[in-house]
Protein backbone atom coordinates (compact mmCIF):
# COMPACT_ATOMS: atom_id res chain seq x y z
CA GLN A 1 104.93 -77.32 -28.72
CA VAL A 2 103.70 -76.14 -25.33
CA ARG A 3 101.77 -78.65 -23.35
CA LEU A 4 100.25 -78.31 -19.89
CA VAL A 5 98.79 -81.40 -18.25
CA GLU A 6 96.88 -81.15 -14.98
CA SER A 7 96.22 -83.92 -12.59
CA GLY A 8 95.28 -84.46 -8.97
CA GLY A 9 91.63 -83.39 -8.96
CA GLY A 10 88.85 -85.42 -7.39
CA LEU A 11 86.10 -85.59 -4.81
CA VAL A 12 86.84 -84.49 -1.28
CA GLN A 13 84.77 -83.62 1.80
CA ALA A 14 84.77 -80.04 3.15
CA GLY A 15 87.83 -79.43 5.22
CA GLY A 16 89.95 -81.89 3.24
CA SER A 17 92.96 -81.39 0.97
CA LEU A 18 94.07 -81.95 -2.50
CA ARG A 19 97.23 -81.33 -4.48
CA LEU A 20 96.96 -80.39 -8.13
CA SER A 21 99.87 -80.88 -10.46
CA CYS A 22 100.63 -79.18 -13.75
CA ALA A 23 103.31 -80.89 -15.83
CA ALA A 24 104.73 -78.54 -18.47
CA SER A 25 106.53 -79.44 -21.72
CA GLY A 26 107.74 -77.25 -24.42
CA ILE A 27 108.45 -74.39 -21.92
CA ILE A 28 110.53 -74.02 -18.87
CA ALA A 29 108.12 -73.57 -15.96
CA SER A 30 110.75 -71.93 -13.79
CA ILE A 31 111.17 -68.97 -16.15
CA ASN A 32 107.58 -68.41 -16.95
CA THR A 33 104.88 -67.05 -14.78
CA MET A 34 102.66 -69.95 -14.13
CA ASN A 35 98.97 -69.57 -13.05
CA TRP A 36 96.15 -71.68 -11.71
CA TYR A 37 92.65 -70.67 -12.67
CA ARG A 38 89.35 -72.15 -11.95
CA GLN A 39 85.87 -72.04 -13.43
CA ALA A 40 82.75 -73.06 -11.57
CA PRO A 41 79.49 -73.87 -13.33
CA GLY A 42 77.76 -70.69 -14.63
CA LYS A 43 80.68 -68.52 -13.43
CA GLN A 44 83.61 -66.78 -15.18
CA ARG A 45 87.02 -68.25 -15.03
CA GLU A 46 89.09 -66.63 -12.21
CA LEU A 47 92.68 -66.49 -11.25
CA VAL A 48 93.46 -68.51 -8.15
CA ALA A 49 97.18 -68.34 -7.75
CA SER A 50 100.39 -67.27 -9.64
CA ILE A 51 104.12 -67.85 -9.27
CA THR A 52 106.64 -65.73 -11.04
CA SER A 53 110.00 -66.71 -12.31
CA GLY A 54 111.50 -65.03 -9.26
CA GLY A 55 109.34 -67.17 -6.98
CA SER A 56 106.93 -64.41 -6.04
CA THR A 57 103.35 -65.64 -5.41
CA ASN A 58 99.94 -64.15 -5.48
CA TYR A 59 96.58 -65.51 -4.41
CA ALA A 60 92.96 -64.65 -4.82
CA ASP A 61 91.55 -63.35 -1.55
CA SER A 62 89.17 -66.27 -1.36
CA VAL A 63 92.05 -68.85 -1.10
CA LYS A 64 94.64 -66.88 0.92
CA GLY A 65 95.88 -68.95 3.75
CA ARG A 66 94.47 -72.19 2.35
CA PHE A 67 96.08 -72.63 -1.03
CA THR A 68 99.78 -72.70 -1.86
CA ILE A 69 101.39 -72.63 -5.29
CA SER A 70 104.89 -74.01 -5.71
CA ARG A 71 107.05 -75.53 -8.41
CA ASP A 72 109.67 -78.21 -8.93
CA SER A 73 112.16 -77.02 -11.44
CA ASP A 74 113.65 -80.44 -11.90
CA LYS A 75 110.31 -81.89 -12.86
CA ASN A 76 109.13 -78.78 -14.71
CA THR A 77 105.92 -79.05 -12.70
CA VAL A 78 103.78 -76.51 -10.86
CA TYR A 79 101.62 -77.52 -7.88
CA LEU A 80 98.66 -76.26 -6.07
CA GLN A 81 98.22 -77.47 -2.57
CA MET A 82 94.70 -76.89 -1.40
CA ASN A 83 93.89 -77.29 2.29
CA SER A 84 90.68 -76.55 4.25
CA LEU A 85 88.62 -77.03 1.06
CA LYS A 86 85.13 -75.50 0.88
CA PRO A 87 82.21 -76.41 -1.27
CA GLU A 88 82.60 -73.05 -3.03
CA ASP A 89 86.06 -74.26 -4.20
CA THR A 90 84.19 -76.78 -6.50
CA ALA A 91 85.37 -76.00 -10.05
CA VAL A 92 87.41 -77.11 -12.91
CA TYR A 93 91.01 -76.05 -12.28
CA TYR A 94 93.26 -74.93 -15.20
CA CYS A 95 96.94 -74.50 -15.36
CA ASN A 96 97.95 -71.53 -17.59
CA THR A 97 101.05 -69.75 -18.85
CA GLY A 98 101.83 -67.21 -21.63
CA ASN A 99 104.46 -66.19 -24.01
CA ALA A 100 105.48 -62.62 -23.20
CA LEU A 101 106.65 -62.01 -26.72
CA THR A 102 103.86 -63.51 -28.75
CA LYS A 103 101.15 -63.01 -26.22
CA ILE A 104 99.93 -66.51 -26.80
CA GLN A 105 98.18 -68.09 -23.83
CA TYR A 106 98.53 -71.81 -23.11
CA TRP A 107 96.01 -73.77 -21.15
CA GLY A 108 95.77 -77.26 -19.81
CA GLN A 109 92.71 -79.46 -20.23
CA GLY A 110 91.52 -78.82 -16.69
CA THR A 111 91.07 -81.09 -13.73
CA GLN A 112 87.75 -81.20 -11.77
CA VAL A 113 87.64 -80.60 -8.12
CA THR A 114 84.48 -81.30 -6.21
CA VAL A 115 84.15 -80.47 -2.48
CA SER A 116 81.09 -81.98 -0.74
CA SER A 117 79.56 -80.41 2.28
């Protein structure tokens, strides 16, 4: 059974930093493309960052230069380091991956990030 558990969210002032973690079980995070999404109130869920099995990363334009996605294969965990946070980064952040064969998508429960101005 695939399980993704996020942690690390919280309340931070603008300009501050947070590091989100996504602990994976039932899959091997290093051979799956792992994604971080976020959803702000009243808005659609959006892709924030991705890391492929080969280590290639992609970021939404709004977070480039501020956020970094990485993974620890030994811990089967993916991270999202968020620096220079802005109030518009306030959202619930979700960890995501999918099964390329079955097309099933897996989501964590989400972690709230709130950036005060």
